[in-house]
Amino acid sequence: MHGEQETSQIPRVTCTALHAAMVAFAAWIYFGGGAEFLSSLAGRPHPDAGDLGRRIVLMCFAVAVFVRLTITFFILLERRFAWSEFWGVTAAIFIYQVAFAVLAVCEASPLGATDLAAIALFLAGSYLNTGSELQRKRFKEDPQNRGKLYTDGLFRYARHINYFGDVLWVASWALVTRNIWALAVPILLTVGFVFGFIPPLTKHLRTKYGDEFEAWEKRTKAFIPFVW
């Protein structure tokens, strides 16, 4: 998929439409009686009332991620987005938007210092992910940079700083749910990036850019700035 131009918008439009539906479903869970309805289906008709401030923060996360992913799909992502990738992305969105809402909606504890730190982490991760992609897009749009590898901006700190940003905002979202099961999601996401996404992308970049990539590889960490 890397290096292949997208010729069909159908997977992108379909994924975005499903994402919008999931955000609406999350809003129903948080504010529209969804928690009570789902609890009744599970045989728990009187769930504890979740903290309103926490629900608002989580809903803001949901909307922010929808906006960012929509921008990514239709502005930043210029390579092919195949149906095989569509299913994995849609499943991940379902976990973030719906599963996190179900796990968090009955959390009654008010927002505290940990949650405020998580909000800051969410903003930082969102910036690293989308900000780095915007920087690279501006570079690629300059005709003088045609065929060149982008290694400046946020990509000076890690070759896959955008993936690291993904892990940060997902981890922060999981933290705000205050549910230990949610923490498995950023862990699995990290494993997926390290063992599933980064190796084939590294191979593709090494093949495409040769010495230029190898020089970048020698001076820049792969995933976590200054660490690995």
Protein backbone atom coordinates (compact mmCIF):
# COMPACT_ATOMS: atom_id res chain seq x y z
CA MET A 1 0.00 0.00 0.00
CA HIS A 2 2.89 2.36 0.70
CA GLY A 3 3.71 4.38 -2.39
CA GLU A 4 0.45 3.46 -4.14
CA GLN A 5 -1.89 6.30 -5.06
CA GLU A 6 -5.57 6.04 -4.13
CA THR A 7 -7.95 5.85 -7.07
CA SER A 8 -11.22 5.24 -5.21
CA GLN A 9 -12.76 7.29 -2.42
CA ILE A 10 -15.35 4.68 -1.46
CA PRO A 11 -13.39 3.11 1.44
CA ARG A 12 -12.60 6.54 2.86
CA VAL A 13 -16.18 7.78 2.61
CA THR A 14 -17.57 4.56 4.06
CA CYS A 15 -15.14 4.59 6.99
CA THR A 16 -15.89 8.26 7.71
CA ALA A 17 -19.66 7.66 7.62
CA LEU A 18 -19.32 4.74 10.03
CA HIS A 19 -17.08 6.85 12.22
CA ALA A 20 -19.72 9.59 12.37
CA ALA A 21 -22.31 6.99 13.38
CA MET A 22 -20.01 5.73 16.14
CA VAL A 23 -19.49 9.25 17.48
CA ALA A 24 -23.27 9.72 17.56
CA PHE A 25 -23.62 6.38 19.35
CA ALA A 26 -21.00 7.44 21.90
CA ALA A 27 -22.92 10.67 22.51
CA TRP A 28 -26.05 8.62 23.14
CA ILE A 29 -24.15 6.49 25.65
CA TYR A 30 -22.73 9.52 27.46
CA PHE A 31 -25.74 11.84 27.43
CA GLY A 32 -28.81 10.22 25.87
CA GLY A 33 -29.68 7.37 28.20
CA GLY A 34 -27.55 4.83 26.40
CA ALA A 35 -25.77 3.79 29.58
CA GLU A 36 -29.04 2.93 31.27
CA PHE A 37 -30.33 1.05 28.24
CA LEU A 38 -27.17 -1.01 27.80
CA SER A 39 -27.06 -1.77 31.51
CA SER A 40 -30.63 -3.02 31.39
CA LEU A 41 -29.72 -5.37 28.55
CA ALA A 42 -26.91 -6.71 30.72
CA GLY A 43 -29.25 -7.19 33.65
CA ARG A 44 -28.03 -4.11 35.52
CA PRO A 45 -30.92 -1.64 35.27
CA HIS A 46 -29.51 0.90 37.75
CA PRO A 47 -25.95 1.83 36.76
CA ASP A 48 -23.97 4.28 38.86
CA ALA A 49 -24.20 7.80 37.49
CA GLY A 50 -20.93 8.63 35.76
CA ASP A 51 -19.18 11.92 36.36
CA LEU A 52 -20.50 14.56 33.94
CA GLY A 53 -17.13 16.30 33.58
CA ARG A 54 -15.50 13.03 32.59
CA ARG A 55 -18.22 12.35 30.02
CA ILE A 56 -17.72 15.81 28.53
CA VAL A 57 -13.95 15.32 28.25
CA LEU A 58 -14.40 11.92 26.64
CA MET A 59 -16.93 13.30 24.19
CA CYS A 60 -14.50 16.08 23.27
CA PHE A 61 -11.88 13.41 22.61
CA ALA A 62 -14.36 11.59 20.38
CA VAL A 63 -15.15 14.67 18.30
CA ALA A 64 -11.50 15.73 18.06
CA VAL A 65 -10.46 12.32 16.76
CA PHE A 66 -13.30 12.31 14.23
CA VAL A 67 -12.19 15.69 12.89
CA ARG A 68 -8.52 14.68 12.76
CA LEU A 69 -9.16 11.35 11.04
CA THR A 70 -11.45 13.01 8.50
CA ILE A 71 -8.69 15.49 7.68
CA THR A 72 -6.26 12.59 7.40
CA PHE A 73 -8.49 10.61 5.05
CA PHE A 74 -9.33 13.42 2.64
CA ILE A 75 -6.34 15.77 2.84
CA LEU A 76 -3.26 14.08 4.23
CA LEU A 77 -3.52 10.42 3.18
CA GLU A 78 -2.51 10.37 -0.46
CA ARG A 79 -1.58 6.70 -0.71
CA ARG A 80 -4.03 3.91 -1.42
CA PHE A 81 -6.51 3.09 1.35
CA ALA A 82 -7.55 -0.46 0.51
CA TRP A 83 -10.57 -2.36 1.77
CA SER A 84 -8.19 -4.72 3.60
CA GLU A 85 -6.94 -1.73 5.62
CA PHE A 86 -10.46 -0.35 5.98
CA TRP A 87 -11.56 -3.22 8.24
CA GLY A 88 -8.68 -2.80 10.68
CA VAL A 89 -9.09 0.98 10.87
CA THR A 90 -12.85 0.70 11.37
CA ALA A 91 -12.38 -1.86 14.14
CA ALA A 92 -9.89 0.43 15.88
CA ILE A 93 -12.31 3.36 15.62
CA PHE A 94 -15.06 1.22 17.13
CA ILE A 95 -12.82 0.47 20.11
CA TYR A 96 -11.93 4.11 20.66
CA GLN A 97 -15.39 5.55 20.16
CA VAL A 98 -17.79 2.87 21.39
CA ALA A 99 -15.86 0.46 23.62
CA PHE A 100 -14.14 3.28 25.52
CA ALA A 101 -17.54 4.93 26.04
CA VAL A 102 -19.02 1.72 27.44
CA LEU A 103 -16.04 1.21 29.74
CA ALA A 104 -16.02 4.79 31.01
CA VAL A 105 -19.64 5.91 31.21
CA CYS A 106 -20.31 4.71 34.77
CA GLU A 107 -17.06 6.01 36.25
CA ALA A 108 -18.25 8.28 39.07
CA SER A 109 -14.93 9.74 40.25
CA PRO A 110 -14.45 13.40 39.37
CA LEU A 111 -11.64 14.58 37.14
CA GLY A 112 -8.31 14.78 38.94
CA ALA A 113 -4.63 15.47 38.35
CA THR A 114 -4.16 12.23 36.40
CA ASP A 115 -6.99 13.17 34.06
CA LEU A 116 -5.59 16.66 33.50
CA ALA A 117 -2.22 15.13 32.65
CA ALA A 118 -3.98 12.75 30.26
CA ILE A 119 -5.73 15.68 28.55
CA ALA A 120 -2.34 17.34 28.01
CA LEU A 121 -1.01 14.03 26.68
CA PHE A 122 -3.96 13.79 24.30
CA LEU A 123 -3.24 17.24 22.92
CA ALA A 124 0.47 16.45 22.57
CA GLY A 125 -0.21 13.16 20.80
CA SER A 126 -2.72 14.78 18.46
CA TYR A 127 -0.18 17.45 17.57
CA LEU A 128 2.61 14.94 16.96
CA ASN A 129 0.37 12.83 14.74
CA THR A 130 -1.52 15.39 12.66
CA GLY A 131 1.06 18.18 12.93
CA SER A 132 3.84 16.00 11.56
CA GLU A 133 1.63 14.89 8.67
CA LEU A 134 0.77 18.50 7.81
CA GLN A 135 4.47 19.42 7.82
CA ARG A 136 5.27 16.55 5.49
CA LYS A 137 2.39 17.43 3.16
CA ARG A 138 3.64 21.02 2.80
CA PHE A 139 7.09 19.67 1.96
CA LYS A 140 5.73 17.23 -0.63
CA GLU A 141 3.61 19.92 -2.30
CA ASP A 142 6.70 21.94 -3.21
CA PRO A 143 7.72 20.88 -6.75
CA GLN A 144 11.38 21.34 -5.79
CA ASN A 145 11.03 18.51 -3.27
CA ARG A 146 9.63 15.96 -5.71
CA GLY A 147 11.15 12.54 -5.01
CA LYS A 148 12.88 13.72 -1.83
CA LEU A 149 12.56 12.17 1.64
CA TYR A 150 11.15 14.47 4.34
CA THR A 151 13.30 14.36 7.47
CA ASP A 152 12.73 17.79 9.02
CA GLY A 153 10.11 19.20 11.37
CA LEU A 154 8.82 16.72 13.91
CA PHE A 155 10.34 13.89 11.91
CA ARG A 156 13.75 15.05 13.15
CA TYR A 157 12.92 13.45 16.49
CA ALA A 158 11.66 10.07 15.27
CA ARG A 159 11.19 8.51 11.84
CA HIS A 160 7.66 7.49 12.79
CA ILE A 161 6.77 10.35 15.11
CA ASN A 162 3.22 10.25 13.72
CA TYR A 163 2.80 6.68 15.03
CA PHE A 164 4.19 7.72 18.40
CA GLY A 165 1.61 10.49 18.50
CA ASP A 166 -1.11 7.90 17.86
CA VAL A 167 0.01 5.88 20.87
CA LEU A 168 0.02 8.98 23.09
CA TRP A 169 -3.50 10.11 22.30
CA VAL A 170 -4.91 6.58 22.51
CA ALA A 171 -3.14 6.02 25.85
CA SER A 172 -4.51 9.29 27.22
CA TRP A 173 -8.04 8.38 26.13
CA ALA A 174 -7.67 5.01 27.86
CA LEU A 175 -6.45 6.71 31.04
CA VAL A 176 -9.45 9.05 31.21
CA THR A 177 -11.83 6.07 31.06
CA ARG A 178 -10.37 5.01 34.43
CA ASN A 179 -10.92 1.40 33.36
CA ILE A 180 -7.96 -0.95 33.52
CA TRP A 181 -9.19 -2.95 30.51
CA ALA A 182 -8.87 0.12 28.30
CA LEU A 183 -5.13 0.26 28.97
CA ALA A 184 -4.66 -2.90 26.92
CA VAL A 185 -5.53 -0.92 23.78
CA PRO A 186 -2.47 1.41 23.66
CA ILE A 187 -0.25 -1.52 24.61
CA LEU A 188 -1.54 -3.59 21.70
CA LEU A 189 -1.32 -0.56 19.42
CA THR A 190 2.34 -0.11 20.33
CA VAL A 191 3.04 -3.77 19.63
CA GLY A 192 1.27 -3.44 16.29
CA PHE A 193 3.36 -0.45 15.27
CA VAL A 194 6.68 -1.93 16.39
CA PHE A 195 6.20 -5.38 14.89
CA GLY A 196 3.53 -4.93 12.22
CA PHE A 197 3.67 -1.44 10.69
CA ILE A 198 7.21 -0.13 11.07
CA PRO A 199 9.22 -3.07 9.61
CA PRO A 200 7.49 -3.15 6.17
CA LEU A 201 7.43 0.65 5.98
CA THR A 202 11.15 0.74 6.79
CA LYS A 203 11.79 -1.75 4.00
CA HIS A 204 9.74 0.34 1.57
CA LEU A 205 11.54 3.59 2.48
CA ARG A 206 14.97 1.97 2.29
CA THR A 207 14.17 0.64 -1.16
CA LYS A 208 12.71 3.92 -2.41
CA TYR A 209 15.20 6.42 -0.97
CA GLY A 210 18.38 4.34 -0.54
CA ASP A 211 21.32 6.27 0.95
CA GLU A 212 19.08 9.19 1.88
CA PHE A 213 16.98 6.97 4.12
CA GLU A 214 19.97 5.14 5.58
CA ALA A 215 21.54 8.45 6.63
CA TRP A 216 18.27 9.46 8.32
CA GLU A 217 18.04 6.04 9.94
CA LYS A 218 21.51 6.41 11.48
CA ARG A 219 20.82 9.78 13.11
CA THR A 220 17.14 9.43 14.06
CA LYS A 221 15.31 7.03 16.38
CA ALA A 222 12.59 4.92 14.82
CA PHE A 223 9.58 5.43 17.09
CA ILE A 224 10.16 7.03 20.49
CA PRO A 225 12.26 10.22 20.37
CA PHE A 226 15.71 9.80 21.97
CA VAL A 227 14.85 6.22 23.05
CA TRP A 228 14.19 3.83 20.13
